[in-house]
Amino acid sequence: MCSKLKEQENTDLFPHEQIPINTKDLPLAVRMRPRILDEVFGQKHVIAPGKLLRRAVEADRLVSLILFGPPGTGKTSLAYCIAAQTKSEFVYVNATTSNVEELRKIISQAKKLKARGHKTVLFIDEIHRFNKAQQDVLLPDVEEANVILIGATIYNPFFYIISPLLSRSLVFELKTLTKDEILAILNNAIKDKERGFGSLNIKAEKYALEFLAQACDGDARRALNALEVGILTTQKDKAGSINFGLAQAEESIQRKQVLYDRKEDGHYDTISAFIKSMRGTDPDAAVYWLAKMLYAGEDPRFIARRICICASEDVGNADPQALIVANNALTAVEFIGMPECRIPLSQATIYVACAPKSNASYLAIERATEDVEKGRLLEVPQHLRDKSYSAAKELGHGVGYKYAHDFKDHYVNQEYIPSDKKYYEPTENGYEAKIKQRLEKLRGDKKG
């Protein structure tokens, strides 16, 4: 379904349904869309003064764009602002319901506008849903600038958009909005008398708005929808005020508040319980605390990093695979994002919790670090020193060094540190038992 979203004198060129902008019958999230780039919250990495996208818009030298990022980060809003500031006709298409025939009609009308000196911004939402043939239709007219394409997708365009179209477009990744940015959007909607709820007597609790800002997971549309439902369904008190508290916020977003503050005890206590549950080999407890953190809006990357640390500190060489699983989960979190990344996080959590445990590697670096910090610094033995430069031989560097691979079992008895102190003491758990057995054999041969 294609809709003209900006009225102009020549309405016959795009004879589609006229949709009024900023009228009270539209959802709050639509009414509060920014009209210029300065009204956009977040995305400063692409629209701050001096950034490429802003310079292109302000100079009216825009080329086709692909915007990708999570829902509610402002892809559609940016397209509106760009069309308004470049004084272009704006045509909206959703790839789930559009087809090649419609695209050709739009492009034909855009060519007529271009002949009269007018530009057309063709905004294609969910562009990843167009197949290769549909995307191919756009190529010639994007190349000739008959339309300025702005494609929006929640997926990585390098996997879903054909290369020729990408090469003709600037690609920008939009970031998930922060809690503070969402909070600013909500407060703006409450105060705005023209498009928001500024004409109503609303008493919104700070904590209720903060809960919405965190519970919406960086999705501004979801936060505004929840605010709108909460405000419009709350009865006024005797004084004519609408009291929007935590109970209304929880109900409007269909999510309960969890005692979990990223900067206070809830955060530290929960992550502590999570780590200790994995260390204590209790996968059920560990996955519960994982679920609580994710539900409360914790950054999944933070959780993945803690799993990696636990895999090395508490599992170590008892199961070297644990760190690989944890690190792969961290990579998956970066690549997939929420909500699906909760699955590899759960897998890694359970693997680390169930793995045999050893903190020998952790204790080894702790002991060695303590000796370095407090003890006498040891000199590197002469036979281990670098001998790659010309004067090294004259200094005796490398003289007498034995190359381990030249000996049986790729091991030779020689001094590697002028000290008999042992830092790494492997346990009998898991694979580390084999490490311990091998070291004891080698050390026994050394004594002999």
Protein backbone atom coordinates (compact mmCIF):
# COMPACT_ATOMS: atom_id res chain seq x y z
CA MET A 1 0.00 0.00 0.00
CA CYS A 2 1.53 3.28 -1.09
CA SER A 3 0.54 6.52 0.60
CA LYS A 4 1.40 10.13 -0.07
CA LEU A 5 2.41 11.67 3.24
CA LYS A 6 3.12 15.21 2.19
CA GLU A 7 0.66 17.53 0.51
CA GLN A 8 1.78 19.49 -2.55
CA GLU A 9 0.09 21.56 -5.22
CA ASN A 10 0.12 18.82 -7.88
CA THR A 11 -1.84 16.06 -6.18
CA ASP A 12 -2.57 14.24 -9.44
CA LEU A 13 0.98 12.87 -9.70
CA PHE A 14 0.53 10.62 -6.68
CA PRO A 15 -3.24 9.99 -6.53
CA HIS A 16 -3.06 7.89 -3.39
CA GLU A 17 -4.92 8.18 -0.12
CA GLN A 18 -4.11 11.42 1.67
CA ILE A 19 -3.05 10.87 5.26
CA PRO A 20 -3.01 13.96 7.46
CA ILE A 21 0.04 14.54 9.61
CA ASN A 22 0.04 15.52 13.28
CA THR A 23 -3.70 15.21 13.81
CA LYS A 24 -5.17 13.92 17.04
CA ASP A 25 -6.68 10.83 15.41
CA LEU A 26 -3.21 9.41 14.75
CA PRO A 27 -1.31 7.33 17.32
CA LEU A 28 0.95 9.28 19.66
CA ALA A 29 4.06 7.62 18.18
CA VAL A 30 3.11 8.99 14.75
CA ARG A 31 2.15 12.44 16.01
CA MET A 32 5.42 12.79 17.88
CA ARG A 33 7.64 11.94 14.95
CA PRO A 34 10.38 14.54 14.60
CA ARG A 35 9.95 17.03 11.80
CA ILE A 36 13.57 18.08 11.45
CA LEU A 37 16.86 16.43 12.31
CA ASP A 38 17.30 18.62 15.39
CA GLU A 39 14.19 17.00 16.91
CA VAL A 40 15.58 13.47 16.57
CA PHE A 41 16.68 11.82 19.80
CA GLY A 42 19.72 9.57 19.58
CA GLN A 43 21.69 8.52 16.48
CA LYS A 44 24.20 11.32 16.98
CA HIS A 45 26.82 9.15 15.30
CA VAL A 46 25.08 9.80 11.97
CA ILE A 47 23.13 13.05 12.37
CA ALA A 48 25.23 15.19 14.72
CA PRO A 49 26.55 18.44 13.20
CA GLY A 50 29.36 17.67 10.80
CA LYS A 51 28.38 14.02 10.27
CA LEU A 52 28.01 12.75 6.71
CA LEU A 53 24.24 12.23 6.68
CA ARG A 54 23.48 15.65 8.14
CA ARG A 55 25.87 17.34 5.72
CA ALA A 56 24.20 15.58 2.79
CA VAL A 57 20.72 16.61 3.97
CA GLU A 58 21.65 20.21 4.71
CA ALA A 59 23.39 20.55 1.35
CA ASP A 60 20.40 18.88 -0.37
CA ARG A 61 22.84 16.47 -2.02
CA LEU A 62 21.26 13.29 -0.80
CA VAL A 63 21.89 9.95 -2.45
CA SER A 64 20.02 6.72 -1.77
CA LEU A 65 20.25 5.34 1.76
CA ILE A 66 19.87 2.05 3.56
CA LEU A 67 19.04 2.43 7.25
CA PHE A 68 19.23 -0.64 9.46
CA GLY A 69 18.82 -1.18 13.16
CA PRO A 70 16.44 -2.54 15.82
CA PRO A 71 12.73 -1.60 15.85
CA GLY A 72 11.83 1.82 17.20
CA THR A 73 15.23 3.42 16.64
CA GLY A 74 13.95 6.08 14.23
CA LYS A 75 14.39 4.71 10.72
CA THR A 76 11.00 5.96 9.52
CA SER A 77 11.37 9.21 11.45
CA LEU A 78 14.72 9.92 9.81
CA ALA A 79 13.18 9.34 6.39
CA TYR A 80 10.40 11.84 7.17
CA CYS A 81 12.90 14.45 8.32
CA ILE A 82 15.08 13.96 5.27
CA ALA A 83 12.15 14.36 2.89
CA ALA A 84 10.93 17.47 4.72
CA GLN A 85 14.32 19.17 4.91
CA THR A 86 15.18 18.41 1.28
CA LYS A 87 11.69 19.51 0.17
CA SER A 88 11.07 16.22 -1.57
CA GLU A 89 7.89 14.32 -2.32
CA PHE A 90 7.65 11.46 0.20
CA VAL A 91 6.23 8.11 -0.85
CA TYR A 92 5.88 5.27 1.65
CA VAL A 93 5.95 1.62 0.63
CA ASN A 94 5.93 -1.46 2.81
CA ALA A 95 7.74 -4.33 1.14
CA THR A 96 5.43 -6.91 2.73
CA THR A 97 2.44 -5.67 0.69
CA SER A 98 4.03 -4.00 -2.33
CA ASN A 99 4.97 -5.47 -5.71
CA VAL A 100 6.84 -4.68 -8.91
CA GLU A 101 3.81 -3.17 -10.60
CA GLU A 102 3.37 -0.62 -7.83
CA LEU A 103 7.07 0.23 -7.85
CA ARG A 104 6.97 0.92 -11.59
CA LYS A 105 3.95 3.22 -11.19
CA ILE A 106 5.70 5.16 -8.43
CA ILE A 107 8.90 5.49 -10.44
CA SER A 108 6.96 6.62 -13.51
CA GLN A 109 5.32 9.41 -11.52
CA ALA A 110 8.65 10.29 -9.91
CA LYS A 111 10.17 10.79 -13.37
CA LYS A 112 7.42 13.29 -14.20
CA LEU A 113 8.19 15.16 -11.00
CA LYS A 114 11.88 15.13 -11.76
CA ALA A 115 11.22 16.67 -15.18
CA ARG A 116 9.56 19.56 -13.33
CA GLY A 117 12.50 19.96 -10.96
CA HIS A 118 11.06 18.07 -7.97
CA LYS A 119 12.68 15.20 -6.08
CA THR A 120 10.97 12.08 -4.79
CA VAL A 121 12.02 10.17 -1.69
CA LEU A 122 10.85 6.57 -1.97
CA PHE A 123 10.84 5.07 1.49
CA ILE A 124 10.65 1.26 1.48
CA ASP A 125 10.02 -0.17 4.91
CA GLU A 126 11.18 -3.75 5.53
CA ILE A 127 13.10 -3.67 2.27
CA HIS A 128 14.68 -7.01 3.13
CA ARG A 129 11.37 -8.62 2.18
CA PHE A 130 11.82 -7.68 -1.47
CA ASN A 131 13.29 -10.55 -3.44
CA LYS A 132 16.19 -10.11 -5.88
CA ALA A 133 13.92 -9.44 -8.86
CA GLN A 134 12.02 -6.74 -6.99
CA GLN A 135 15.25 -5.10 -5.87
CA ASP A 136 16.60 -5.27 -9.43
CA VAL A 137 13.65 -3.16 -10.60
CA LEU A 138 14.94 -0.26 -8.51
CA LEU A 139 18.50 -0.29 -9.84
CA PRO A 140 18.24 1.82 -13.04
CA ASP A 141 16.19 4.56 -11.41
CA VAL A 142 18.35 4.68 -8.30
CA GLU A 143 21.35 4.94 -10.61
CA GLU A 144 19.77 7.84 -12.55
CA ALA A 145 18.42 9.47 -9.37
CA ASN A 146 14.83 9.33 -10.60
CA VAL A 147 14.03 8.44 -6.99
CA ILE A 148 16.01 8.84 -3.80
CA LEU A 149 15.64 5.45 -2.21
CA ILE A 150 15.58 5.13 1.57
CA GLY A 151 15.35 1.50 2.56
CA ALA A 152 14.74 0.45 6.14
CA THR A 153 15.38 -2.96 7.67
CA ILE A 154 16.02 -4.50 11.07
CA TYR A 155 18.47 -6.94 9.49
CA ASN A 156 22.05 -6.58 8.32
CA PRO A 157 21.60 -5.29 4.74
CA PHE A 158 24.80 -6.95 3.56
CA PHE A 159 22.97 -10.27 3.88
CA TYR A 160 19.59 -9.22 2.49
CA ILE A 161 20.14 -6.43 -0.04
CA ILE A 162 21.71 -7.12 -3.43
CA SER A 163 25.24 -5.82 -3.88
CA PRO A 164 24.48 -3.50 -6.85
CA LEU A 165 21.86 -1.68 -4.79
CA LEU A 166 24.18 -1.42 -1.78
CA SER A 167 26.97 -0.02 -3.95
CA ARG A 168 24.65 2.80 -5.05
CA SER A 169 23.59 3.66 -1.51
CA LEU A 170 25.01 4.95 1.73
CA VAL A 171 24.48 2.45 4.53
CA PHE A 172 23.90 3.67 8.09
CA GLU A 173 23.39 1.56 11.19
CA LEU A 174 21.04 3.03 13.79
CA LYS A 175 21.73 2.17 17.40
CA THR A 176 19.29 1.10 20.09
CA LEU A 177 18.11 4.16 21.99
CA THR A 178 19.38 4.54 25.52
CA LYS A 179 17.17 4.70 28.58
CA ASP A 180 17.86 8.45 28.92
CA GLU A 181 16.94 9.07 25.28
CA ILE A 182 13.65 7.16 25.65
CA LEU A 183 12.95 9.05 28.86
CA ALA A 184 13.47 12.36 27.06
CA ILE A 185 11.05 11.26 24.31
CA LEU A 186 8.39 10.36 26.89
CA ASN A 187 8.74 13.64 28.77
CA ASN A 188 8.59 15.52 25.49
CA ALA A 189 5.33 13.76 24.57
CA ILE A 190 3.79 14.64 27.95
CA LYS A 191 4.74 18.33 27.65
CA ASP A 192 4.02 18.92 23.94
CA LYS A 193 0.69 20.79 23.66
CA GLU A 194 0.45 20.61 19.88
CA ARG A 195 1.10 16.92 19.24
CA GLY A 196 1.34 15.26 22.64
CA PHE A 197 -0.50 15.41 25.96
CA GLY A 198 0.55 18.91 27.00
CA SER A 199 -3.07 20.09 27.13
CA LEU A 200 -3.93 17.46 29.76
CA ASN A 201 -3.18 17.73 33.46
CA ILE A 202 -0.89 14.71 33.76
CA LYS A 203 1.00 13.82 36.91
CA ALA A 204 3.50 11.21 35.84
CA GLU A 205 5.70 9.60 38.45
CA LYS A 206 9.38 9.77 37.58
CA TYR A 207 9.89 6.12 38.45
CA ALA A 208 6.96 5.07 36.19
CA LEU A 209 8.49 6.83 33.20
CA GLU A 210 11.90 5.38 34.02
CA PHE A 211 10.35 1.92 34.13
CA LEU A 212 8.80 2.40 30.68
CA ALA A 213 12.06 3.77 29.33
CA GLN A 214 13.90 0.66 30.47
CA ALA A 215 11.20 -1.92 29.79
CA CYS A 216 10.76 -0.93 26.14
CA ASP A 217 14.26 -2.24 25.29
CA GLY A 218 15.32 0.85 23.34
CA ASP A 219 12.16 0.92 21.19
CA ALA A 220 10.75 4.46 21.20
CA ARG A 221 7.56 3.42 19.42
CA ARG A 222 6.80 0.81 22.03
CA ALA A 223 7.42 3.27 24.84
CA LEU A 224 5.12 5.91 23.31
CA ASN A 225 2.40 3.35 22.60
CA ALA A 226 2.52 2.20 26.22
CA LEU A 227 2.41 5.79 27.48
CA GLU A 228 -0.56 6.56 25.27
CA VAL A 229 -2.52 3.52 26.40
CA GLY A 230 -1.74 4.26 30.02
CA ILE A 231 -2.74 7.93 29.83
CA LEU A 232 -5.92 7.45 27.82
CA THR A 233 -7.22 4.58 29.97
CA THR A 234 -6.54 6.16 33.36
CA GLN A 235 -9.49 7.98 34.89
CA LYS A 236 -9.03 11.51 36.12
CA ASP A 237 -9.14 12.17 39.84
CA LYS A 238 -11.49 14.68 41.47
CA ALA A 239 -9.12 17.50 40.66
CA GLY A 240 -9.12 16.57 36.98
CA SER A 241 -5.59 15.15 37.00
CA ILE A 242 -4.41 11.94 35.34
CA ASN A 243 -2.09 10.14 37.73
CA PHE A 244 0.30 7.91 35.81
CA GLY A 245 2.18 5.71 38.26
CA LEU A 246 4.12 2.48 38.26
CA ALA A 247 0.96 0.33 38.29
CA GLN A 248 -0.32 2.04 35.14
CA ALA A 249 3.09 1.76 33.50
CA GLU A 250 3.31 -1.98 34.22
CA GLU A 251 -0.17 -2.61 32.89
CA SER A 252 0.25 -0.50 29.76
CA ILE A 253 3.40 -2.30 28.66
CA GLN A 254 2.21 -5.72 29.94
CA ARG A 255 5.34 -6.23 31.94
CA LYS A 256 6.03 -6.30 35.64
CA GLN A 257 8.65 -4.14 37.24
CA VAL A 258 11.64 -6.13 38.47
CA LEU A 259 13.77 -4.99 41.41
CA TYR A 260 16.85 -4.43 39.30
CA ASP A 261 18.62 -1.13 38.96
CA ARG A 262 21.72 -1.11 36.79
CA LYS A 263 23.45 1.34 39.10
CA GLU A 264 22.36 0.01 42.46
CA ASP A 265 22.05 -3.18 44.57
CA GLY A 266 19.61 -5.00 42.29
CA HIS A 267 22.18 -5.07 39.50
CA TYR A 268 25.18 -6.12 41.58
CA ASP A 269 23.29 -8.64 43.70
CA THR A 270 21.80 -10.41 40.68
CA ILE A 271 25.00 -10.64 38.67
CA SER A 272 26.73 -11.90 41.81
CA ALA A 273 24.12 -14.63 42.23
CA PHE A 274 24.48 -15.49 38.54
CA ILE A 275 28.26 -15.91 38.74
CA LYS A 276 28.15 -17.86 42.00
CA SER A 277 25.48 -20.20 40.64
CA MET A 278 27.65 -21.07 37.64
CA ARG A 279 30.68 -21.47 39.89
CA GLY A 280 28.63 -23.68 42.22
CA THR A 281 27.49 -25.97 39.37
CA ASP A 282 23.81 -25.11 39.67
CA PRO A 283 22.54 -24.64 36.09
CA ASP A 284 18.93 -24.13 37.18
CA ALA A 285 19.76 -21.22 39.48
CA ALA A 286 22.15 -19.73 36.91
CA VAL A 287 19.59 -19.75 34.10
CA TYR A 288 16.97 -18.20 36.41
CA TRP A 289 19.23 -15.26 37.26
CA LEU A 290 20.03 -14.96 33.54
CA ALA A 291 16.31 -14.76 32.75
CA LYS A 292 15.76 -12.13 35.44
CA MET A 293 18.57 -9.94 34.13
CA LEU A 294 17.35 -10.16 30.54
CA TYR A 295 13.76 -9.48 31.57
CA ALA A 296 14.87 -6.43 33.52
CA GLY A 297 16.64 -5.03 30.47
CA GLU A 298 20.27 -5.80 31.29
CA ASP A 299 22.69 -5.40 28.39
CA PRO A 300 23.18 -8.97 27.05
CA ARG A 301 26.75 -8.10 26.11
CA PHE A 302 27.53 -7.43 29.77
CA ILE A 303 26.13 -10.84 30.68
CA ALA A 304 28.11 -12.55 27.91
CA ARG A 305 31.33 -10.94 29.12
CA ARG A 306 30.69 -12.22 32.65
CA ILE A 307 30.15 -15.74 31.30
CA CYS A 308 33.51 -15.51 29.50
CA ILE A 309 35.23 -14.45 32.71
CA CYS A 310 33.61 -17.29 34.67
CA ALA A 311 34.57 -19.80 31.97
CA SER A 312 38.21 -18.88 32.45
CA GLU A 313 38.33 -18.02 36.15
CA ASP A 314 36.18 -20.85 37.53
CA VAL A 315 36.39 -23.56 34.84
CA GLY A 316 39.75 -22.89 33.27
CA ASN A 317 41.66 -25.88 31.96
CA ALA A 318 39.33 -28.34 33.65
CA ASP A 319 37.31 -27.85 30.45
CA PRO A 320 39.06 -25.57 27.93
CA GLN A 321 35.98 -25.82 25.70
CA ALA A 322 34.02 -23.68 28.17
CA LEU A 323 35.82 -20.49 27.15
CA ILE A 324 35.22 -21.29 23.48
CA VAL A 325 31.49 -21.76 24.10
CA ALA A 326 31.34 -18.55 26.15
CA ASN A 327 33.24 -16.53 23.56
CA ASN A 328 31.01 -17.86 20.78
CA ALA A 329 27.99 -16.77 22.82
CA LEU A 330 29.48 -13.28 23.07
CA THR A 331 29.92 -13.20 19.29
CA ALA A 332 26.34 -14.43 18.80
CA VAL A 333 25.02 -11.68 21.09
CA GLU A 334 26.77 -9.03 18.99
CA PHE A 335 25.51 -10.54 15.75
CA ILE A 336 21.96 -11.56 16.68
CA GLY A 337 20.78 -9.21 19.42
CA MET A 338 17.71 -9.57 21.59
CA PRO A 339 15.43 -11.43 21.94
CA GLU A 340 17.01 -14.39 20.11
CA CYS A 341 20.45 -14.01 21.69
CA ARG A 342 18.98 -15.19 24.99
CA ILE A 343 19.25 -18.72 23.54
CA PRO A 344 23.05 -18.84 23.06
CA LEU A 345 23.38 -17.04 26.39
CA SER A 346 21.37 -19.81 28.04
CA GLN A 347 23.45 -22.47 26.30
CA ALA A 348 26.73 -20.92 27.44
CA THR A 349 25.43 -20.37 30.98
CA ILE A 350 24.38 -23.99 31.34
CA TYR A 351 27.60 -25.30 29.78
CA VAL A 352 29.80 -23.28 32.13
CA ALA A 353 27.64 -24.19 35.14
CA CYS A 354 27.84 -27.91 34.37
CA ALA A 355 31.54 -27.97 33.46
CA PRO A 356 34.18 -29.35 35.88
CA LYS A 357 35.71 -26.52 37.86
CA SER A 358 39.22 -25.25 38.47
CA ASN A 359 40.50 -21.82 39.45
CA ALA A 360 44.14 -22.85 39.02
CA SER A 361 44.69 -20.52 36.05
CA TYR A 362 43.19 -17.61 37.99
CA LEU A 363 45.35 -18.35 41.05
CA ALA A 364 48.44 -18.68 38.87
CA ILE A 365 48.18 -15.17 37.41
CA GLU A 366 47.27 -13.77 40.84
CA ARG A 367 50.39 -15.27 42.42
CA ALA A 368 52.64 -14.24 39.57
CA THR A 369 51.23 -10.70 39.58
CA GLU A 370 51.81 -10.42 43.31
CA ASP A 371 55.45 -11.45 42.87
CA VAL A 372 55.93 -8.95 40.05
CA GLU A 373 54.36 -6.15 42.09
CA LYS A 374 56.04 -6.85 45.42
CA GLY A 375 59.05 -8.99 44.75
CA ARG A 376 62.40 -8.58 43.06
CA LEU A 377 62.03 -8.47 39.30
CA LEU A 378 63.82 -11.41 37.71
CA GLU A 379 66.19 -11.02 34.81
CA VAL A 380 65.64 -12.98 31.61
CA PRO A 381 68.24 -15.81 31.42
CA GLN A 382 70.92 -15.23 28.79
CA HIS A 383 70.03 -18.28 26.71
CA LEU A 384 66.37 -17.10 26.40
CA ARG A 385 67.18 -13.58 25.24
CA ASP A 386 66.53 -12.36 21.71
CA LYS A 387 69.36 -13.09 19.29
CA SER A 388 67.79 -11.73 16.09
CA TYR A 389 69.95 -8.58 15.84
CA SER A 390 73.61 -8.47 14.85
CA ALA A 391 75.18 -7.57 18.21
CA ALA A 392 73.21 -10.17 20.17
CA LYS A 393 75.79 -12.91 19.74
CA GLU A 394 78.55 -10.69 21.09
CA LEU A 395 76.42 -10.11 24.19
CA GLY A 396 75.91 -13.83 24.65
CA HIS A 397 72.18 -13.68 23.94
CA GLY A 398 70.64 -16.99 22.96
CA VAL A 399 73.84 -18.93 23.55
CA GLY A 400 73.05 -22.40 24.87
CA TYR A 401 69.34 -22.28 24.11
CA LYS A 402 67.84 -25.71 23.43
CA TYR A 403 65.04 -25.90 20.84
CA ALA A 404 62.36 -28.08 22.44
CA HIS A 405 61.14 -29.58 19.17
CA ASP A 406 64.56 -31.13 18.57
CA PHE A 407 64.11 -33.42 21.57
CA LYS A 408 61.98 -36.42 22.46
CA ASP A 409 58.34 -35.58 23.22
CA HIS A 410 59.16 -31.99 22.21
CA TYR A 411 60.51 -31.32 25.67
CA VAL A 412 63.95 -30.51 27.04
CA ASN A 413 65.07 -29.79 30.57
CA GLN A 414 66.39 -26.24 30.76
CA GLU A 415 65.87 -23.14 32.88
CA TYR A 416 63.07 -20.78 31.78
CA ILE A 417 62.94 -18.61 34.91
CA PRO A 418 65.61 -18.13 37.61
CA SER A 419 63.25 -19.31 40.34
CA ASP A 420 61.84 -22.60 41.60
CA LYS A 421 58.48 -21.12 42.56
CA LYS A 422 55.39 -22.77 41.07
CA TYR A 423 52.48 -20.54 40.09
CA TYR A 424 50.26 -22.99 38.23
CA GLU A 425 49.10 -25.93 40.32
CA PRO A 426 46.61 -27.96 38.25
CA THR A 427 43.76 -29.79 39.97
CA GLU A 428 42.44 -33.32 39.51
CA ASN A 429 39.26 -32.05 37.81
CA GLY A 430 38.34 -32.73 34.20
CA TYR A 431 40.98 -32.25 31.53
CA GLU A 432 43.23 -30.52 34.03
CA ALA A 433 43.94 -33.91 35.59
CA LYS A 434 45.73 -34.85 32.36
CA ILE A 435 47.67 -31.60 32.43
CA LYS A 436 48.70 -32.31 36.01
CA GLN A 437 49.78 -35.84 35.14
CA ARG A 438 51.94 -34.64 32.24
CA LEU A 439 53.56 -31.85 34.26
CA GLU A 440 54.35 -34.21 37.13
CA LYS A 441 56.00 -36.62 34.71
CA LEU A 442 58.05 -33.85 33.09
CA ARG A 443 59.00 -32.34 36.43
CA GLY A 444 59.97 -35.79 37.68
CA ASP A 445 62.23 -36.29 34.68
CA LYS A 446 63.70 -32.86 35.35
CA LYS A 447 64.57 -33.81 38.92
CA GLY A 448 66.13 -36.98 37.68
